[in-house]
């Protein structure tokens, strides 16, 4: 799992992701900012994200929403930013599974999502990148990964625009304190090291 950023509750990063998630007209600026985050971070660090997993990703999808399934959810636009460097044959869709409505407390489940027959050739034997907007518990993202592995994916990498942090959650306070005051897009989300834009763009 690779978080491109951290969204801290009651800080600007948290307000941005909260505004994005509301999906209202007033959230246009938040949606633009999150799209630019994904596009910029993928431009700078897409090679590291693949190499850290051991092989390039050759399939890409997103975590669908129960409330807005299909391609109507803003997360689709985030996946489009990540798929800028992928050909059409890499793209696939996940369907909602029979257990999509199961409580989050039930944890990751193999049948929260499903892979339709038409997409299986784009899953089998491939490293699939799964784009999500916000990682809270990871329940849905991990469920998507289980579904893809069961459908024949060799590897699954979850790319989240932001990991949600809240001081009320166990262990989060220490992590929040360890974060830099200013977000540095040159710090690779996969390796933690600083990347030179020219070097990354030339590869």
C-alpha atoms as a PDB file:
ATOM      1  CA  UNK A   1       0.000   0.000   0.000  1.00  0.00           C
ATOM      2  CA  UNK A   2       1.446   3.385  -1.055  1.00  0.00           C
ATOM      3  CA  UNK A   3      -0.120   6.555   0.427  1.00  0.00           C
ATOM      4  CA  UNK A   4       0.749   9.616  -1.654  1.00  0.00           C
ATOM      5  CA  UNK A   5       0.023  11.926   1.289  1.00  0.00           C
ATOM      6  CA  UNK A   6      -1.457  12.045   4.789  1.00  0.00           C
ATOM      7  CA  UNK A   7      -4.751  13.751   5.593  1.00  0.00           C
ATOM      8  CA  UNK A   8      -4.781  14.854   9.216  1.00  0.00           C
ATOM      9  CA  UNK A   9      -8.130  15.464  10.866  1.00  0.00           C
ATOM     10  CA  UNK A  10      -8.740  19.158  11.650  1.00  0.00           C
ATOM     11  CA  UNK A  11      -5.726  20.275   9.615  1.00  0.00           C
ATOM     12  CA  UNK A  12      -5.699  21.666   6.065  1.00  0.00           C
ATOM     13  CA  UNK A  13      -4.901  18.282   4.539  1.00  0.00           C
ATOM     14  CA  UNK A  14      -7.912  16.797   6.333  1.00  0.00           C
ATOM     15  CA  UNK A  15     -10.188  19.652   5.249  1.00  0.00           C
ATOM     16  CA  UNK A  16      -9.098  19.128   1.635  1.00  0.00           C
ATOM     17  CA  UNK A  17      -9.900  15.403   1.652  1.00  0.00           C
ATOM     18  CA  UNK A  18     -13.139  15.990   3.551  1.00  0.00           C
ATOM     19  CA  UNK A  19     -14.181  18.553   0.941  1.00  0.00           C
ATOM     20  CA  UNK A  20     -13.267  16.142  -1.848  1.00  0.00           C
ATOM     21  CA  UNK A  21     -15.325  13.350  -0.270  1.00  0.00           C
ATOM     22  CA  UNK A  22     -18.425  15.555   0.032  1.00  0.00           C
ATOM     23  CA  UNK A  23     -18.715  15.614  -3.783  1.00  0.00           C
ATOM     24  CA  UNK A  24     -20.644  18.888  -3.883  1.00  0.00           C
ATOM     25  CA  UNK A  25     -20.286  21.862  -6.201  1.00  0.00           C
ATOM     26  CA  UNK A  26     -18.436  23.716  -3.449  1.00  0.00           C
ATOM     27  CA  UNK A  27     -15.848  20.915  -3.430  1.00  0.00           C
ATOM     28  CA  UNK A  28     -14.516  21.709  -6.935  1.00  0.00           C
ATOM     29  CA  UNK A  29     -11.274  23.208  -5.607  1.00  0.00           C
ATOM     30  CA  UNK A  30     -10.682  20.229  -3.335  1.00  0.00           C
ATOM     31  CA  UNK A  31     -11.247  17.775  -6.181  1.00  0.00           C
ATOM     32  CA  UNK A  32      -8.850  19.729  -8.400  1.00  0.00           C
ATOM     33  CA  UNK A  33      -6.175  19.720  -5.701  1.00  0.00           C
ATOM     34  CA  UNK A  34      -6.458  15.973  -5.099  1.00  0.00           C
ATOM     35  CA  UNK A  35      -6.310  15.278  -8.848  1.00  0.00           C
ATOM     36  CA  UNK A  36      -3.167  17.404  -9.137  1.00  0.00           C
ATOM     37  CA  UNK A  37      -1.650  15.577  -6.158  1.00  0.00           C
ATOM     38  CA  UNK A  38      -2.111  12.194  -7.847  1.00  0.00           C
ATOM     39  CA  UNK A  39      -0.913  13.425 -11.244  1.00  0.00           C
ATOM     40  CA  UNK A  40       2.162  15.150  -9.825  1.00  0.00           C
ATOM     41  CA  UNK A  41       3.185  12.309  -7.541  1.00  0.00           C
ATOM     42  CA  UNK A  42       2.748   9.737 -10.303  1.00  0.00           C
ATOM     43  CA  UNK A  43       4.818  11.858 -12.677  1.00  0.00           C
ATOM     44  CA  UNK A  44       7.635  12.051 -10.146  1.00  0.00           C
ATOM     45  CA  UNK A  45       7.502   8.632  -8.526  1.00  0.00           C
ATOM     46  CA  UNK A  46       5.665   6.110 -10.726  1.00  0.00           C
ATOM     47  CA  UNK A  47       8.879   4.182 -11.427  1.00  0.00           C
ATOM     48  CA  UNK A  48       9.654   3.781  -7.730  1.00  0.00           C
ATOM     49  CA  UNK A  49       6.110   2.656  -7.020  1.00  0.00           C
ATOM     50  CA  UNK A  50       6.519  -0.125  -9.577  1.00  0.00           C
ATOM     51  CA  UNK A  51      10.095  -1.048  -8.716  1.00  0.00           C
ATOM     52  CA  UNK A  52       9.436  -1.281  -4.976  1.00  0.00           C
ATOM     53  CA  UNK A  53       6.776  -3.891  -5.714  1.00  0.00           C
ATOM     54  CA  UNK A  54       9.326  -5.899  -7.696  1.00  0.00           C
ATOM     55  CA  UNK A  55       7.791  -5.539 -11.147  1.00  0.00           C
ATOM     56  CA  UNK A  56       6.057  -2.830 -13.217  1.00  0.00           C
ATOM     57  CA  UNK A  57       2.298  -2.617 -12.914  1.00  0.00           C
ATOM     58  CA  UNK A  58       0.550  -3.662 -16.121  1.00  0.00           C
ATOM     59  CA  UNK A  59      -3.062  -3.354 -14.976  1.00  0.00           C
ATOM     60  CA  UNK A  60      -4.891  -0.484 -13.301  1.00  0.00           C
ATOM     61  CA  UNK A  61      -8.288  -0.082 -11.672  1.00  0.00           C
ATOM     62  CA  UNK A  62      -9.948   1.796  -8.811  1.00  0.00           C
ATOM     63  CA  UNK A  63     -11.988   0.946  -5.722  1.00  0.00           C
ATOM     64  CA  UNK A  64     -15.641   1.407  -6.737  1.00  0.00           C
ATOM     65  CA  UNK A  65     -18.183   3.063  -4.478  1.00  0.00           C
ATOM     66  CA  UNK A  66     -21.364   1.436  -3.277  1.00  0.00           C
ATOM     67  CA  UNK A  67     -23.169   4.785  -3.353  1.00  0.00           C
ATOM     68  CA  UNK A  68     -21.879   5.819  -6.780  1.00  0.00           C
ATOM     69  CA  UNK A  69     -20.744   2.657  -8.594  1.00  0.00           C
ATOM     70  CA  UNK A  70     -19.268   2.589 -12.067  1.00  0.00           C
ATOM     71  CA  UNK A  71     -17.479   5.591 -13.527  1.00  0.00           C
ATOM     72  CA  UNK A  72     -19.521   8.362 -11.883  1.00  0.00           C
ATOM     73  CA  UNK A  73     -17.425   8.604  -8.701  1.00  0.00           C
ATOM     74  CA  UNK A  74     -14.598  11.207  -8.484  1.00  0.00           C
ATOM     75  CA  UNK A  75     -12.126   8.407  -7.673  1.00  0.00           C
ATOM     76  CA  UNK A  76     -12.326   7.546 -11.383  1.00  0.00           C
ATOM     77  CA  UNK A  77     -10.715  10.901 -12.160  1.00  0.00           C
ATOM     78  CA  UNK A  78      -7.903  10.068  -9.740  1.00  0.00           C
ATOM     79  CA  UNK A  79      -7.353   6.744 -11.505  1.00  0.00           C
ATOM     80  CA  UNK A  80      -7.209   8.634 -14.802  1.00  0.00           C
ATOM     81  CA  UNK A  81      -4.339  10.741 -13.462  1.00  0.00           C
ATOM     82  CA  UNK A  82      -2.474   7.571 -12.494  1.00  0.00           C
ATOM     83  CA  UNK A  83      -3.224   5.839 -15.813  1.00  0.00           C
ATOM     84  CA  UNK A  84      -1.776   8.660 -17.942  1.00  0.00           C
ATOM     85  CA  UNK A  85       1.222   6.413 -18.672  1.00  0.00           C
ATOM     86  CA  UNK A  86      -0.821   3.219 -19.215  1.00  0.00           C
ATOM     87  CA  UNK A  87      -2.314   1.957 -22.459  1.00  0.00           C
ATOM     88  CA  UNK A  88      -5.999   1.127 -22.751  1.00  0.00           C
ATOM     89  CA  UNK A  89      -5.291  -2.598 -22.479  1.00  0.00           C
ATOM     90  CA  UNK A  90      -4.127  -2.066 -18.890  1.00  0.00           C
ATOM     91  CA  UNK A  91      -7.405  -0.614 -17.664  1.00  0.00           C
ATOM     92  CA  UNK A  92     -10.111  -2.713 -16.003  1.00  0.00           C
ATOM     93  CA  UNK A  93     -13.146  -2.312 -13.774  1.00  0.00           C
ATOM     94  CA  UNK A  94     -14.160  -3.983 -10.534  1.00  0.00           C
ATOM     95  CA  UNK A  95     -17.815  -4.827  -9.953  1.00  0.00           C
ATOM     96  CA  UNK A  96     -19.586  -4.610  -6.618  1.00  0.00           C
ATOM     97  CA  UNK A  97     -19.716  -8.009  -4.958  1.00  0.00           C
ATOM     98  CA  UNK A  98     -22.421  -9.749  -2.975  1.00  0.00           C
ATOM     99  CA  UNK A  99     -20.945  -8.562   0.331  1.00  0.00           C
ATOM    100  CA  UNK A 100     -20.344  -4.924  -0.596  1.00  0.00           C
ATOM    101  CA  UNK A 101     -22.710  -3.788   2.158  1.00  0.00           C
ATOM    102  CA  UNK A 102     -20.987  -5.738   4.942  1.00  0.00           C
ATOM    103  CA  UNK A 103     -19.955  -3.567   7.926  1.00  0.00           C
ATOM    104  CA  UNK A 104     -16.407  -2.206   7.913  1.00  0.00           C
ATOM    105  CA  UNK A 105     -15.841  -4.046  11.178  1.00  0.00           C
ATOM    106  CA  UNK A 106     -16.082  -7.333   9.291  1.00  0.00           C
ATOM    107  CA  UNK A 107     -12.730  -6.472   7.747  1.00  0.00           C
ATOM    108  CA  UNK A 108     -11.478  -7.291   4.258  1.00  0.00           C
ATOM    109  CA  UNK A 109     -13.713  -9.780   2.472  1.00  0.00           C
ATOM    110  CA  UNK A 110     -13.132 -11.563  -0.864  1.00  0.00           C
ATOM    111  CA  UNK A 111     -16.667 -10.906  -2.089  1.00  0.00           C
ATOM    112  CA  UNK A 112     -17.011  -7.187  -1.420  1.00  0.00           C
ATOM    113  CA  UNK A 113     -15.953  -6.873  -5.075  1.00  0.00           C
ATOM    114  CA  UNK A 114     -15.896  -9.084  -8.161  1.00  0.00           C
ATOM    115  CA  UNK A 115     -13.971  -9.332 -11.437  1.00  0.00           C
ATOM    116  CA  UNK A 116     -16.220  -9.815 -14.469  1.00  0.00           C
ATOM    117  CA  UNK A 117     -15.165 -12.338 -17.111  1.00  0.00           C
ATOM    118  CA  UNK A 118     -14.441  -9.590 -19.655  1.00  0.00           C
ATOM    119  CA  UNK A 119     -11.657  -8.197 -17.456  1.00  0.00           C
ATOM    120  CA  UNK A 120      -9.967 -11.413 -16.357  1.00  0.00           C
ATOM    121  CA  UNK A 121      -7.389 -11.376 -19.160  1.00  0.00           C
ATOM    122  CA  UNK A 122      -6.254  -7.976 -17.838  1.00  0.00           C
ATOM    123  CA  UNK A 123      -5.834  -9.405 -14.348  1.00  0.00           C
ATOM    124  CA  UNK A 124      -4.363 -12.872 -14.791  1.00  0.00           C
ATOM    125  CA  UNK A 125      -0.597 -12.911 -14.419  1.00  0.00           C
ATOM    126  CA  UNK A 126      -0.398  -9.140 -13.987  1.00  0.00           C
ATOM    127  CA  UNK A 127       0.666  -6.651 -11.352  1.00  0.00           C
ATOM    128  CA  UNK A 128      -2.457  -4.535 -10.821  1.00  0.00           C
ATOM    129  CA  UNK A 129      -2.428  -1.008  -9.429  1.00  0.00           C
ATOM    130  CA  UNK A 130      -5.582  -0.184  -7.430  1.00  0.00           C
ATOM    131  CA  UNK A 131      -6.311   3.519  -6.969  1.00  0.00           C
ATOM    132  CA  UNK A 132      -8.303   4.695  -3.946  1.00  0.00           C
ATOM    133  CA  UNK A 133      -8.938   8.174  -2.615  1.00  0.00           C
ATOM    134  CA  UNK A 134      -8.671   7.794   1.161  1.00  0.00           C
ATOM    135  CA  UNK A 135      -7.273   4.944   3.276  1.00  0.00           C
ATOM    136  CA  UNK A 136      -9.028   4.869   6.652  1.00  0.00           C
ATOM    137  CA  UNK A 137      -9.209   1.238   7.760  1.00  0.00           C
ATOM    138  CA  UNK A 138      -8.128  -0.208   4.417  1.00  0.00           C
ATOM    139  CA  UNK A 139     -11.123  -2.527   4.461  1.00  0.00           C
ATOM    140  CA  UNK A 140     -12.321  -1.859   0.909  1.00  0.00           C
ATOM    141  CA  UNK A 141      -8.885  -1.502  -0.662  1.00  0.00           C
ATOM    142  CA  UNK A 142      -7.695  -4.762   0.863  1.00  0.00           C
ATOM    143  CA  UNK A 143     -10.925  -6.453  -0.205  1.00  0.00           C
ATOM    144  CA  UNK A 144     -10.233  -5.307  -3.764  1.00  0.00           C
ATOM    145  CA  UNK A 145      -6.712  -6.740  -3.517  1.00  0.00           C
ATOM    146  CA  UNK A 146      -8.038 -10.102  -2.296  1.00  0.00           C
ATOM    147  CA  UNK A 147     -10.515 -10.206  -5.180  1.00  0.00           C
ATOM    148  CA  UNK A 148      -7.825  -9.442  -7.759  1.00  0.00           C
ATOM    149  CA  UNK A 149      -5.408 -12.019  -6.345  1.00  0.00           C
ATOM    150  CA  UNK A 150      -8.184 -14.621  -6.442  1.00  0.00           C
ATOM    151  CA  UNK A 151      -8.749 -13.685 -10.105  1.00  0.00           C
ATOM    152  CA  UNK A 152      -5.111 -14.387 -10.935  1.00  0.00           C
ATOM    153  CA  UNK A 153      -3.166 -11.175 -10.300  1.00  0.00           C
ATOM    154  CA  UNK A 154       0.443 -11.881  -9.367  1.00  0.00           C
ATOM    155  CA  UNK A 155       0.782  -8.663  -7.363  1.00  0.00           C
ATOM    156  CA  UNK A 156      -1.527  -5.894  -6.223  1.00  0.00           C
ATOM    157  CA  UNK A 157      -0.361  -2.422  -5.202  1.00  0.00           C
ATOM    158  CA  UNK A 158      -2.856  -0.083  -3.561  1.00  0.00           C
ATOM    159  CA  UNK A 159      -2.253   3.569  -4.348  1.00  0.00           C
ATOM    160  CA  UNK A 160      -4.126   5.893  -2.001  1.00  0.00           C
ATOM    161  CA  UNK A 161      -4.265   9.660  -2.504  1.00  0.00           C
ATOM    162  CA  UNK A 162      -4.246  10.118   1.261  1.00  0.00           C
ATOM    163  CA  UNK A 163      -4.058   8.045   4.409  1.00  0.00           C
ATOM    164  CA  UNK A 164      -6.480   9.458   6.968  1.00  0.00           C
ATOM    165  CA  UNK A 165      -4.958  10.232  10.366  1.00  0.00           C
ATOM    166  CA  UNK A 166      -6.885  11.076  13.527  1.00  0.00           C
ATOM    167  CA  UNK A 167      -5.322  11.559  16.958  1.00  0.00           C
ATOM    168  CA  UNK A 168      -8.183   9.554  18.461  1.00  0.00           C
ATOM    169  CA  UNK A 169      -6.989   6.416  16.631  1.00  0.00           C
ATOM    170  CA  UNK A 170      -4.358   4.287  18.429  1.00  0.00           C
ATOM    171  CA  UNK A 171      -0.831   5.088  17.286  1.00  0.00           C
ATOM    172  CA  UNK A 172      -1.842   7.968  15.045  1.00  0.00           C
ATOM    173  CA  UNK A 173      -0.681  10.744  17.360  1.00  0.00           C
ATOM    174  CA  UNK A 174       2.950   9.616  17.150  1.00  0.00           C
ATOM    175  CA  UNK A 175       2.745   9.381  13.379  1.00  0.00           C
ATOM    176  CA  UNK A 176       1.210  12.859  13.102  1.00  0.00           C
ATOM    177  CA  UNK A 177       4.001  14.308  15.262  1.00  0.00           C
ATOM    178  CA  UNK A 178       6.599  12.672  13.019  1.00  0.00           C
ATOM    179  CA  UNK A 179       5.240  14.249   9.833  1.00  0.00           C
ATOM    180  CA  UNK A 180       7.113  17.237   8.365  1.00  0.00           C
ATOM    181  CA  UNK A 181       5.386  20.588   8.724  1.00  0.00           C
ATOM    182  CA  UNK A 182       5.473  21.205   4.968  1.00  0.00           C
ATOM    183  CA  UNK A 183       4.568  18.540   2.418  1.00  0.00           C
ATOM    184  CA  UNK A 184       7.476  17.823   0.076  1.00  0.00           C
ATOM    185  CA  UNK A 185       6.339  16.238  -3.222  1.00  0.00           C
ATOM    186  CA  UNK A 186       9.919  15.235  -4.036  1.00  0.00           C
ATOM    187  CA  UNK A 187       9.963  12.728  -1.172  1.00  0.00           C
ATOM    188  CA  UNK A 188       9.060   9.399  -2.720  1.00  0.00           C
ATOM    189  CA  UNK A 189       5.982   7.797  -1.089  1.00  0.00           C
ATOM    190  CA  UNK A 190       7.358   4.334  -1.852  1.00  0.00           C
ATOM    191  CA  UNK A 191      10.970   4.653  -0.697  1.00  0.00           C
ATOM    192  CA  UNK A 192      10.924   7.675   1.614  1.00  0.00           C
ATOM    193  CA  UNK A 193      13.937   9.153  -0.173  1.00  0.00           C
ATOM    194  CA  UNK A 194      14.094  12.366  -2.170  1.00  0.00           C
ATOM    195  CA  UNK A 195      13.865  12.064  -5.945  1.00  0.00           C
ATOM    196  CA  UNK A 196      15.297  14.502  -8.493  1.00  0.00           C
ATOM    197  CA  UNK A 197      12.585  15.498 -10.995  1.00  0.00           C
ATOM    198  CA  UNK A 198      14.958  15.478 -13.976  1.00  0.00           C
ATOM    199  CA  UNK A 199      16.202  11.998 -13.153  1.00  0.00           C
ATOM    200  CA  UNK A 200      12.706  10.599 -12.742  1.00  0.00           C
ATOM    201  CA  UNK A 201      11.386  12.255 -15.890  1.00  0.00           C
ATOM    202  CA  UNK A 202      14.257  10.929 -18.001  1.00  0.00           C
ATOM    203  CA  UNK A 203      13.639   7.291 -17.219  1.00  0.00           C
END
